[in-house]
Protein backbone atom coordinates (compact mmCIF):
# COMPACT_ATOMS: atom_id res chain seq x y z
CA UNK A 1 -20.97 11.58 26.02
CA UNK A 2 -20.23 12.52 22.39
CA UNK A 3 -17.21 10.32 20.92
CA UNK A 4 -14.24 12.23 19.00
CA UNK A 5 -13.46 11.38 15.20
CA UNK A 6 -10.65 12.90 12.79
CA UNK A 7 -11.64 12.75 9.40
CA UNK A 8 -8.39 13.08 7.08
CA UNK A 9 -9.17 13.49 3.22
CA UNK A 10 -7.58 13.88 -0.24
CA UNK A 11 -9.54 16.51 -1.99
CA UNK A 12 -7.34 15.00 -5.18
CA UNK A 13 -7.23 11.28 -4.97
CA UNK A 14 -8.84 9.47 -8.12
CA UNK A 15 -11.66 11.54 -9.27
CA UNK A 16 -11.89 13.89 -6.45
CA UNK A 17 -15.45 12.52 -6.14
CA UNK A 18 -14.76 12.90 -2.27
CA UNK A 19 -15.49 16.66 -2.52
CA UNK A 20 -18.84 15.86 -3.55
CA UNK A 21 -19.34 12.78 -0.89
CA UNK A 22 -18.23 14.96 1.88
CA UNK A 23 -21.19 16.51 3.18
CA UNK A 24 -23.44 12.87 3.35
CA UNK A 25 -20.07 11.55 4.70
CA UNK A 26 -19.90 14.35 7.77
CA UNK A 27 -23.60 13.83 8.36
CA UNK A 28 -23.78 9.89 8.72
CA UNK A 29 -21.19 10.51 11.30
CA UNK A 30 -22.41 13.26 13.17
CA UNK A 31 -25.69 11.40 13.67
CA UNK A 32 -24.09 8.10 14.51
CA UNK A 33 -22.33 10.26 17.89
CA UNK A 34 -19.06 11.85 16.58
CA UNK A 35 -17.70 14.97 16.44
CA UNK A 36 -15.90 15.59 13.98
CA UNK A 37 -12.44 17.32 13.02
CA UNK A 38 -12.01 17.57 9.25
CA UNK A 39 -8.28 17.75 7.54
CA UNK A 40 -7.75 17.93 4.19
CA UNK A 41 -4.44 17.09 2.80
CA UNK A 42 -2.40 19.45 1.40
CA UNK A 43 0.27 19.28 -1.37
CA UNK A 44 3.54 19.56 0.06
CA UNK A 45 2.62 18.92 3.60
CA UNK A 46 3.60 15.55 5.14
CA UNK A 47 0.15 14.32 6.41
CA UNK A 48 1.78 12.05 8.59
CA UNK A 49 3.27 15.02 10.92
CA UNK A 50 -0.35 16.44 10.41
CA UNK A 51 -1.73 13.17 12.27
CA UNK A 52 0.95 13.08 14.98
CA UNK A 53 0.29 16.37 15.86
CA UNK A 54 -3.27 15.92 16.43
CA UNK A 55 -3.19 13.00 17.77
CA UNK A 56 -0.59 14.38 20.62
CA UNK A 57 -3.51 17.50 21.43
CA UNK A 58 -6.60 15.03 21.52
CA UNK A 59 -7.47 11.29 22.27
CA UNK A 60 -10.16 10.37 19.53
CA UNK A 61 -12.13 7.52 19.45
CA UNK A 62 -11.53 7.30 15.45
CA UNK A 63 -9.36 7.93 12.57
CA UNK A 64 -11.21 8.11 9.27
CA UNK A 65 -9.03 8.67 6.04
CA UNK A 66 -10.41 9.05 2.71
CA UNK A 67 -8.44 8.64 -0.34
CA UNK A 68 -5.74 6.56 -2.21
CA UNK A 69 -3.24 3.57 -1.05
CA UNK A 70 -0.64 6.46 -0.36
CA UNK A 71 -2.83 8.69 1.40
CA UNK A 72 -3.56 5.26 3.87
CA UNK A 73 -0.11 5.05 3.70
CA UNK A 74 0.42 8.39 5.27
CA UNK A 75 -2.52 8.56 8.00
CA UNK A 76 -0.80 5.09 9.38
CA UNK A 77 2.58 6.90 9.62
CA UNK A 78 1.45 9.42 11.74
CA UNK A 79 -0.69 6.72 13.65
CA UNK A 80 2.33 4.63 14.40
CA UNK A 81 4.75 7.34 14.83
CA UNK A 82 2.37 8.88 17.31
CA UNK A 83 2.39 5.50 19.80
CA UNK A 84 -1.71 6.19 19.84
CA UNK A 85 -3.98 3.11 19.76
CA UNK A 86 -7.07 4.08 17.87
CA UNK A 87 -9.17 2.69 15.55
CA UNK A 88 -8.94 3.46 11.39
CA UNK A 89 -11.75 3.60 9.15
CA UNK A 90 -10.79 4.05 5.22
CA UNK A 91 -13.14 5.17 2.37
CA UNK A 92 -11.26 4.37 -0.54
CA UNK A 93 -11.37 7.33 -3.10
CA UNK A 94 -7.87 6.11 -4.96
CA UNK A 95 -7.37 4.86 -8.81
CA UNK A 96 -6.73 1.20 -7.54
CA UNK A 97 -7.45 1.04 -3.84
CA UNK A 98 -5.87 -2.17 -3.54
CA UNK A 99 -5.55 -2.28 0.23
CA UNK A 100 -9.49 -1.78 0.53
CA UNK A 101 -9.74 -4.62 -1.70
CA UNK A 102 -8.17 -6.90 0.70
CA UNK A 103 -10.38 -5.41 3.82
CA UNK A 104 -13.47 -5.97 1.72
CA UNK A 105 -14.49 -2.01 1.66
CA UNK A 106 -16.23 -0.92 -1.20
CA UNK A 107 -15.58 2.11 -3.29
CA UNK A 108 -19.41 2.71 -2.94
CA UNK A 109 -18.35 5.66 -0.10
CA UNK A 110 -22.27 4.80 1.34
CA UNK A 111 -21.11 0.87 1.78
CA UNK A 112 -17.69 2.11 3.38
CA UNK A 113 -18.86 4.61 5.70
CA UNK A 114 -20.87 1.69 6.83
CA UNK A 115 -18.22 -0.34 7.65
CA UNK A 116 -16.55 2.51 9.26
CA UNK A 117 -19.39 2.66 11.52
CA UNK A 118 -20.44 -0.93 11.97
CA UNK A 119 -17.26 -3.07 10.47
CA UNK A 120 -15.02 -5.69 12.52
CA UNK A 121 -12.04 -4.10 14.19
CA UNK A 122 -9.19 -5.77 12.61
CA UNK A 123 -5.56 -6.35 13.98
CA UNK A 124 -3.64 -5.81 11.21
CA UNK A 125 0.08 -6.25 10.44
CA UNK A 126 2.29 -3.60 8.77
CA UNK A 127 5.56 -3.69 7.36
CA UNK A 128 8.49 -1.45 7.49
CA UNK A 129 11.05 -0.01 5.20
CA UNK A 130 14.48 1.50 6.59
CA UNK A 131 12.09 2.95 9.58
CA UNK A 132 8.85 3.75 7.36
CA UNK A 133 5.93 2.16 7.18
CA UNK A 134 3.64 0.68 4.32
CA UNK A 135 0.80 -0.95 4.72
CA UNK A 136 0.71 -3.32 1.58
CA UNK A 137 3.56 -3.49 -0.70
CA UNK A 138 7.52 -1.84 -1.08
CA UNK A 139 8.93 -2.99 -4.30
CA UNK A 140 11.72 -2.01 -6.70
CA UNK A 141 12.43 -2.36 -10.49
CA UNK A 142 10.50 -3.02 -13.10
CA UNK A 143 7.08 -0.62 -13.82
CA UNK A 144 7.07 -0.29 -10.06
CA UNK A 145 7.57 3.93 -10.96
CA UNK A 146 4.23 3.73 -12.78
CA UNK A 147 2.03 4.67 -10.19
CA UNK A 148 4.01 7.89 -8.89
CA UNK A 149 5.23 8.80 -12.55
CA UNK A 150 1.35 8.77 -14.28
CA UNK A 151 0.18 12.18 -14.04
CA UNK A 152 -3.31 12.21 -11.19
CA UNK A 153 -5.37 13.77 -15.01
CA UNK A 154 -4.38 10.75 -16.92
CA UNK A 155 -5.50 8.27 -13.47
CA UNK A 156 -8.78 10.56 -13.23
CA UNK A 157 -8.96 9.45 -16.69
CA UNK A 158 -7.71 5.72 -17.60
CA UNK A 159 -7.82 4.52 -13.98
CA UNK A 160 -5.64 1.17 -13.82
CA UNK A 161 -5.81 1.41 -17.47
CA UNK A 162 -3.33 4.49 -16.79
CA UNK A 163 -0.68 2.07 -15.13
CA UNK A 164 -0.49 -0.33 -17.80
CA UNK A 165 -0.11 2.17 -20.38
CA UNK A 166 2.67 4.12 -18.28
CA UNK A 167 4.10 0.46 -17.73
CA UNK A 168 4.77 -0.29 -21.43
CA UNK A 169 5.87 3.35 -22.35
CA UNK A 170 8.98 2.26 -19.89
CA UNK A 171 9.51 -0.90 -21.51
CA UNK A 172 12.81 -0.10 -23.36
CA UNK A 173 14.58 0.95 -20.77
CA UNK A 174 13.13 -1.05 -17.59
CA UNK A 175 14.21 -4.35 -18.41
CA UNK A 176 17.51 -3.14 -16.64
CA UNK A 177 18.29 -5.84 -13.66
CA UNK A 178 19.68 -4.96 -10.08
CA UNK A 179 22.47 -7.21 -8.58
CA UNK A 180 20.87 -8.24 -5.21
CA UNK A 181 21.77 -9.99 -2.41
CA UNK A 182 18.54 -11.21 0.09
CA UNK A 183 20.09 -12.04 3.40
CA UNK A 184 17.05 -13.69 4.96
CA UNK A 185 17.95 -15.09 8.03
CA UNK A 186 21.06 -17.63 7.93
CA UNK A 187 20.76 -17.70 3.82
CA UNK A 188 21.62 -15.43 1.20
CA UNK A 189 20.28 -15.17 -2.29
CA UNK A 190 21.80 -13.90 -4.73
CA UNK A 191 20.97 -12.83 -8.43
CA UNK A 192 20.29 -10.18 -11.16
CA UNK A 193 16.59 -9.25 -10.71
CA UNK A 194 13.99 -7.37 -12.64
CA UNK A 195 11.82 -6.64 -9.60
CA UNK A 196 11.03 -7.45 -6.08
CA UNK A 197 8.27 -7.17 -4.37
CA UNK A 198 7.57 -7.31 -0.09
CA UNK A 199 3.12 -7.34 -0.16
CA UNK A 200 0.99 -7.97 2.54
CA UNK A 201 -1.91 -8.13 -0.40
CA UNK A 202 -4.06 -9.98 -2.63
CA UNK A 203 -3.91 -7.26 -5.40
CA UNK A 204 -1.08 -5.24 -6.42
CA UNK A 205 -1.62 -2.24 -9.04
CA UNK A 206 -4.99 -3.40 -9.07
CA UNK A 207 -4.13 -6.92 -10.76
CA UNK A 208 -5.21 -9.75 -8.76
CA UNK A 209 -3.38 -12.97 -7.62
CA UNK A 210 0.06 -12.06 -8.51
CA UNK A 211 1.08 -12.45 -4.62
CA UNK A 212 -0.06 -15.73 -4.24
CA UNK A 213 -3.41 -17.26 -3.15
CA UNK A 214 -3.08 -17.26 0.47
CA UNK A 215 -2.08 -13.91 1.50
CA UNK A 216 -3.61 -13.54 5.38
CA UNK A 217 -3.24 -9.52 6.44
CA UNK A 218 -2.54 -10.71 10.27
CA UNK A 219 -0.11 -14.41 10.38
CA UNK A 220 2.92 -12.04 11.04
CA UNK A 221 4.30 -12.17 7.51
CA UNK A 222 4.50 -10.70 4.22
CA UNK A 223 5.19 -12.14 1.05
CA UNK A 224 7.84 -11.79 -0.78
CA UNK A 225 8.37 -12.04 -4.67
CA UNK A 226 11.68 -11.29 -6.56
CA UNK A 227 11.94 -11.94 -10.29
CA UNK A 228 14.86 -12.84 -11.69
CA UNK A 229 16.31 -11.78 -15.19
CA UNK A 230 14.88 -14.38 -17.73
CA UNK A 231 18.28 -15.53 -20.18
CA UNK A 232 16.13 -16.21 -23.19
CA UNK A 233 12.81 -15.73 -24.67
CA UNK A 234 11.50 -19.20 -23.60
CA UNK A 235 12.45 -17.99 -20.27
CA UNK A 236 10.34 -15.08 -20.44
CA UNK A 237 7.53 -16.66 -21.72
CA UNK A 238 7.34 -19.13 -19.01
CA UNK A 239 7.60 -16.01 -16.56
CA UNK A 240 4.51 -14.45 -17.87
CA UNK A 241 2.72 -17.31 -17.80
CA UNK A 242 3.43 -18.14 -14.46
CA UNK A 243 2.45 -14.56 -13.44
CA UNK A 244 -0.58 -14.43 -15.05
CA UNK A 245 -1.72 -17.45 -13.57
CA UNK A 246 -0.67 -16.48 -10.13
CA UNK A 247 1.82 -19.28 -10.22
CA UNK A 248 4.99 -18.53 -8.05
CA UNK A 249 6.46 -21.97 -8.72
CA UNK A 250 9.66 -20.94 -11.09
CA UNK A 251 12.75 -21.22 -11.15
CA UNK A 252 13.05 -17.54 -11.96
CA UNK A 253 10.94 -16.78 -9.08
CA UNK A 254 12.12 -16.47 -5.56
CA UNK A 255 9.15 -16.59 -2.99
CA UNK A 256 9.53 -15.83 1.01
CA UNK A 257 7.67 -15.60 3.64
CA UNK A 258 8.94 -12.09 5.04
CA UNK A 259 9.11 -11.29 8.94
CA UNK A 260 12.32 -9.56 8.39
CA UNK A 261 14.70 -9.07 5.45
CA UNK A 262 17.90 -7.81 4.61
CA UNK A 263 18.38 -6.07 0.57
CA UNK A 264 22.11 -5.51 -0.16
CA UNK A 265 22.46 -3.91 -3.44
CA UNK A 266 25.96 -2.86 -5.44
CA UNK A 267 24.18 0.21 -6.66
CA UNK A 268 21.38 2.85 -5.42
CA UNK A 269 17.99 1.23 -5.82
CA UNK A 270 14.34 3.10 -6.25
CA UNK A 271 11.88 1.85 -4.03
CA UNK A 272 8.20 2.23 -3.89
CA UNK A 273 6.11 2.31 -0.79
CA UNK A 274 2.54 2.23 -1.27
CA UNK A 275 2.48 3.16 -4.85
CA UNK A 276 4.49 6.14 -3.70
CA UNK A 277 8.10 6.69 -4.16
CA UNK A 278 9.71 5.67 -1.19
CA UNK A 279 13.69 6.38 -1.68
CA UNK A 280 16.71 4.83 -3.33
CA UNK A 281 19.40 2.66 -0.92
CA UNK A 282 21.85 0.40 -1.58
CA UNK A 283 20.35 -1.03 1.84
CA UNK A 284 17.34 -2.13 2.54
CA UNK A 285 15.90 -3.53 6.29
CA UNK A 286 12.43 -4.70 5.94
CA UNK A 287 10.71 -5.50 9.16
CA UNK A 288 7.06 -6.99 9.61
CA UNK A 289 5.01 -5.67 12.95
CA UNK A 290 2.53 -8.53 13.94
CA UNK A 291 -1.33 -6.70 15.12
CA UNK A 292 0.67 -3.08 14.60
CA UNK A 293 -2.65 -1.45 14.23
CA UNK A 294 -6.43 -1.47 14.11
CA UNK A 295 -8.80 -1.33 10.75
CA UNK A 296 -12.46 -1.54 10.24
CA UNK A 297 -13.17 -4.05 7.68
CA UNK A 298 -16.41 -5.74 6.67
CA UNK A 299 -18.34 -8.29 8.59
């Protein structure tokens, strides 16, 4: 009996190369014994609801997502809200593909297809921000809006450099701190923070090492990193040196293993979720769900 696969792809992710690969991908999955339902993502359509609708009607053996981190986020949200236990395969086709890096999944689509078919099903943790799931990062503060404010055409031409240029352009207006209370178990940590990240990734925005050197995707914790506003140029240089070295041992950096966290602020703070705009909130509840979904990774 042939198995069933749902293939969701973003035709506009990265340089839109998926359009060139699609025939080969479909042939590979068909030869492996799958009957495939294919659906492109559509502008102004919530992909998570599309995935949920498909899963409510059919039991699929595997879902495959091709796109960037944002597309992966939408597909995973659809799986999570459906309540179905289904393996997910990922063919990265975005600009940075941070989460694929953690899984050992190549940007070469032929190698990624092999992982989908012959890789290891891996039980992975997932985070939630006020009820919306994120695979590898939620963040606020300096530079975090560069990912969703950068034009897709610029991303296509420049790749990761597009984010760097967009971030540099925003420096004059982005050094505004947020007055934040971090309520972590029985502790309250307060201060003026330029940046906050809750991550489950060795790579964020294409940059490796800034979240520490011992990231595990299945330990029940995300890495919380909160950067205080430097009070002098000397402190600023210290902060830059620490971040470039992947060293979080600084009075300017609050580093916490996060399983749950409440973030309160005096004003509404814009958050990103897996590189996309996630909303503005004065209060954010972060929760980590242990071994929440299964995704194929390189053996």
